[in-house]
Amino acid sequence: MSRLRRVLDRIGTVGVGLVIFLGSVLVWWNMCGQGPYRDRCRWNGGCDSFLCLRHGLRGTDQVESAGRCTRKCGADSECGEGYRCVELGSGARDDLPPFGKPKRACMPVLPATP
């Protein structure tokens, strides 16, 4: 019986240690791992809105660009300077996660190419 008790004690210790470790990883990720609106990103989980858009506006065309954290919007005034609220095209919609995609989002206005 004492051998079984030692095994169960070790399993419990490892389990508690794992829960503490995973909890600290989640806290770190929430504090340091996610970028705010307009921050650079590579994937949707890198933004606190979970929306990383790898497209920008060049004139009226939506072209590929560096990833930026975005958010859904209803008007240009919600986006701030240098961004416009646009209806997302198919390429831009593909950047976003499969569920909860907004129809309109803030998109950076890129400089015109010469």
C-alpha atoms as a PDB file:
ATOM      1  CA  MET A   1       0.000   0.000   0.000  1.00  0.00           C
ATOM      2  CA  SER A   2       2.834   2.440   0.705  1.00  0.00           C
ATOM      3  CA  ARG A   3       4.244   1.974  -2.830  1.00  0.00           C
ATOM      4  CA  LEU A   4       0.879   2.933  -4.373  1.00  0.00           C
ATOM      5  CA  ARG A   5       0.676   5.947  -2.075  1.00  0.00           C
ATOM      6  CA  ARG A   6       4.159   7.145  -3.172  1.00  0.00           C
ATOM      7  CA  VAL A   7       3.202   6.819  -6.861  1.00  0.00           C
ATOM      8  CA  LEU A   8      -0.029   8.744  -6.313  1.00  0.00           C
ATOM      9  CA  ASP A   9       1.852  11.435  -4.345  1.00  0.00           C
ATOM     10  CA  ARG A  10       4.308  11.871  -7.224  1.00  0.00           C
ATOM     11  CA  ILE A  11       1.524  12.030  -9.805  1.00  0.00           C
ATOM     12  CA  GLY A  12      -0.237  14.654  -7.669  1.00  0.00           C
ATOM     13  CA  THR A  13       2.965  16.693  -7.290  1.00  0.00           C
ATOM     14  CA  VAL A  14       3.618  16.608 -11.031  1.00  0.00           C
ATOM     15  CA  GLY A  15      -0.022  17.537 -11.718  1.00  0.00           C
ATOM     16  CA  VAL A  16       0.058  20.533  -9.370  1.00  0.00           C
ATOM     17  CA  GLY A  17       3.400  21.651 -10.833  1.00  0.00           C
ATOM     18  CA  LEU A  18       1.985  21.392 -14.360  1.00  0.00           C
ATOM     19  CA  VAL A  19      -1.102  23.445 -13.445  1.00  0.00           C
ATOM     20  CA  ILE A  20       1.100  26.159 -11.882  1.00  0.00           C
ATOM     21  CA  PHE A  21       3.369  26.195 -14.938  1.00  0.00           C
ATOM     22  CA  LEU A  22       0.484  26.431 -17.419  1.00  0.00           C
ATOM     23  CA  GLY A  23      -1.148  29.165 -15.357  1.00  0.00           C
ATOM     24  CA  SER A  24       2.046  31.232 -15.353  1.00  0.00           C
ATOM     25  CA  VAL A  25       2.411  30.782 -19.124  1.00  0.00           C
ATOM     26  CA  LEU A  26      -1.132  32.081 -19.633  1.00  0.00           C
ATOM     27  CA  VAL A  27      -0.490  35.085 -17.396  1.00  0.00           C
ATOM     28  CA  TRP A  28       2.741  35.881 -19.258  1.00  0.00           C
ATOM     29  CA  TRP A  29       1.001  35.524 -22.634  1.00  0.00           C
ATOM     30  CA  ASN A  30      -1.779  37.905 -21.587  1.00  0.00           C
ATOM     31  CA  MET A  31       0.660  40.473 -20.225  1.00  0.00           C
ATOM     32  CA  CYS A  32       3.477  40.274 -22.769  1.00  0.00           C
ATOM     33  CA  GLY A  33       2.501  38.037 -25.646  1.00  0.00           C
ATOM     34  CA  GLN A  34      -0.326  39.863 -27.381  1.00  0.00           C
ATOM     35  CA  GLY A  35       0.002  43.120 -29.236  1.00  0.00           C
ATOM     36  CA  PRO A  36      -2.459  46.021 -29.064  1.00  0.00           C
ATOM     37  CA  TYR A  37      -4.316  47.542 -32.017  1.00  0.00           C
ATOM     38  CA  ARG A  38      -1.910  48.621 -34.831  1.00  0.00           C
ATOM     39  CA  ASP A  39       0.977  46.537 -33.460  1.00  0.00           C
ATOM     40  CA  ARG A  40       2.991  44.306 -35.802  1.00  0.00           C
ATOM     41  CA  CYS A  41       1.914  40.662 -35.905  1.00  0.00           C
ATOM     42  CA  ARG A  42       2.496  37.396 -37.740  1.00  0.00           C
ATOM     43  CA  TRP A  43      -0.484  35.376 -36.561  1.00  0.00           C
ATOM     44  CA  ASN A  44      -3.925  36.029 -35.104  1.00  0.00           C
ATOM     45  CA  GLY A  45      -3.005  34.871 -31.601  1.00  0.00           C
ATOM     46  CA  GLY A  46      -0.396  37.631 -31.455  1.00  0.00           C
ATOM     47  CA  CYS A  47      -3.076  40.334 -31.194  1.00  0.00           C
ATOM     48  CA  ASP A  48      -5.301  41.047 -28.233  1.00  0.00           C
ATOM     49  CA  SER A  49      -8.234  41.226 -30.690  1.00  0.00           C
ATOM     50  CA  PHE A  50      -7.104  37.932 -32.306  1.00  0.00           C
ATOM     51  CA  LEU A  51      -7.257  39.710 -35.704  1.00  0.00           C
ATOM     52  CA  CYS A  52      -3.933  39.984 -37.579  1.00  0.00           C
ATOM     53  CA  LEU A  53      -4.430  41.530 -41.018  1.00  0.00           C
ATOM     54  CA  ARG A  54      -1.654  41.048 -43.596  1.00  0.00           C
ATOM     55  CA  HIS A  55      -3.193  43.393 -46.170  1.00  0.00           C
ATOM     56  CA  GLY A  56      -3.249  47.158 -46.593  1.00  0.00           C
ATOM     57  CA  LEU A  57      -4.904  49.762 -48.823  1.00  0.00           C
ATOM     58  CA  ARG A  58      -3.062  51.164 -51.808  1.00  0.00           C
ATOM     59  CA  GLY A  59      -5.593  53.523 -53.314  1.00  0.00           C
ATOM     60  CA  THR A  60      -8.721  51.381 -53.311  1.00  0.00           C
ATOM     61  CA  ASP A  61      -6.875  48.071 -53.820  1.00  0.00           C
ATOM     62  CA  GLN A  62      -6.280  45.692 -50.917  1.00  0.00           C
ATOM     63  CA  VAL A  63      -2.686  44.463 -51.324  1.00  0.00           C
ATOM     64  CA  GLU A  64      -0.471  42.224 -49.207  1.00  0.00           C
ATOM     65  CA  SER A  65       1.630  44.022 -46.625  1.00  0.00           C
ATOM     66  CA  ALA A  66       3.254  43.503 -43.234  1.00  0.00           C
ATOM     67  CA  GLY A  67       0.887  42.125 -40.609  1.00  0.00           C
ATOM     68  CA  ARG A  68      -0.852  44.574 -38.262  1.00  0.00           C
ATOM     69  CA  CYS A  69      -3.271  43.958 -35.422  1.00  0.00           C
ATOM     70  CA  THR A  70      -6.683  45.261 -36.416  1.00  0.00           C
ATOM     71  CA  ARG A  71     -10.232  45.438 -35.092  1.00  0.00           C
ATOM     72  CA  LYS A  72     -13.739  45.467 -36.492  1.00  0.00           C
ATOM     73  CA  CYS A  73     -15.268  48.862 -37.227  1.00  0.00           C
ATOM     74  CA  GLY A  74     -18.278  50.665 -38.619  1.00  0.00           C
ATOM     75  CA  ALA A  75     -16.743  54.004 -39.676  1.00  0.00           C
ATOM     76  CA  ASP A  76     -13.329  55.510 -40.499  1.00  0.00           C
ATOM     77  CA  SER A  77     -13.433  57.576 -37.296  1.00  0.00           C
ATOM     78  CA  GLU A  78     -13.112  54.361 -35.232  1.00  0.00           C
ATOM     79  CA  CYS A  79      -9.771  53.484 -36.861  1.00  0.00           C
ATOM     80  CA  GLY A  80      -7.623  56.551 -36.298  1.00  0.00           C
ATOM     81  CA  GLU A  81      -5.111  58.343 -38.479  1.00  0.00           C
ATOM     82  CA  GLY A  82      -3.550  56.325 -41.287  1.00  0.00           C
ATOM     83  CA  TYR A  83      -6.242  53.631 -41.209  1.00  0.00           C
ATOM     84  CA  ARG A  84      -9.596  53.281 -42.963  1.00  0.00           C
ATOM     85  CA  CYS A  85     -12.618  51.165 -42.182  1.00  0.00           C
ATOM     86  CA  VAL A  86     -13.186  48.981 -45.252  1.00  0.00           C
ATOM     87  CA  GLU A  87     -15.187  45.946 -46.265  1.00  0.00           C
ATOM     88  CA  LEU A  88     -12.662  43.131 -46.376  1.00  0.00           C
ATOM     89  CA  GLY A  89     -11.922  41.412 -49.676  1.00  0.00           C
ATOM     90  CA  SER A  90     -11.435  37.660 -49.963  1.00  0.00           C
ATOM     91  CA  GLY A  91      -7.642  37.839 -49.558  1.00  0.00           C
ATOM     92  CA  ALA A  92      -7.882  39.942 -46.412  1.00  0.00           C
ATOM     93  CA  ARG A  93     -10.627  37.709 -45.009  1.00  0.00           C
ATOM     94  CA  ASP A  94      -8.320  34.710 -45.482  1.00  0.00           C
ATOM     95  CA  ASP A  95      -5.847  36.362 -43.066  1.00  0.00           C
ATOM     96  CA  LEU A  96      -8.362  36.161 -40.230  1.00  0.00           C
ATOM     97  CA  PRO A  97      -9.403  33.164 -38.130  1.00  0.00           C
ATOM     98  CA  PRO A  98     -12.144  30.906 -39.528  1.00  0.00           C
ATOM     99  CA  PHE A  99     -14.807  31.952 -37.005  1.00  0.00           C
ATOM    100  CA  GLY A 100     -15.884  35.447 -35.999  1.00  0.00           C
ATOM    101  CA  LYS A 101     -14.554  37.247 -39.068  1.00  0.00           C
ATOM    102  CA  PRO A 102     -15.793  40.831 -39.240  1.00  0.00           C
ATOM    103  CA  LYS A 103     -17.206  42.130 -42.541  1.00  0.00           C
ATOM    104  CA  ARG A 104     -15.474  45.476 -42.011  1.00  0.00           C
ATOM    105  CA  ALA A 105     -12.158  46.144 -40.298  1.00  0.00           C
ATOM    106  CA  CYS A 106      -9.556  48.871 -39.936  1.00  0.00           C
ATOM    107  CA  MET A 107      -6.904  48.597 -42.651  1.00  0.00           C
ATOM    108  CA  PRO A 108      -3.671  50.624 -42.912  1.00  0.00           C
ATOM    109  CA  VAL A 109      -3.358  53.043 -45.824  1.00  0.00           C
ATOM    110  CA  LEU A 110      -0.086  52.271 -47.620  1.00  0.00           C
ATOM    111  CA  PRO A 111       1.956  54.848 -49.551  1.00  0.00           C
ATOM    112  CA  ALA A 112       1.515  54.826 -53.333  1.00  0.00           C
ATOM    113  CA  THR A 113       4.241  53.041 -55.276  1.00  0.00           C
ATOM    114  CA  PRO A 114       6.096  55.177 -57.834  1.00  0.00           C
END
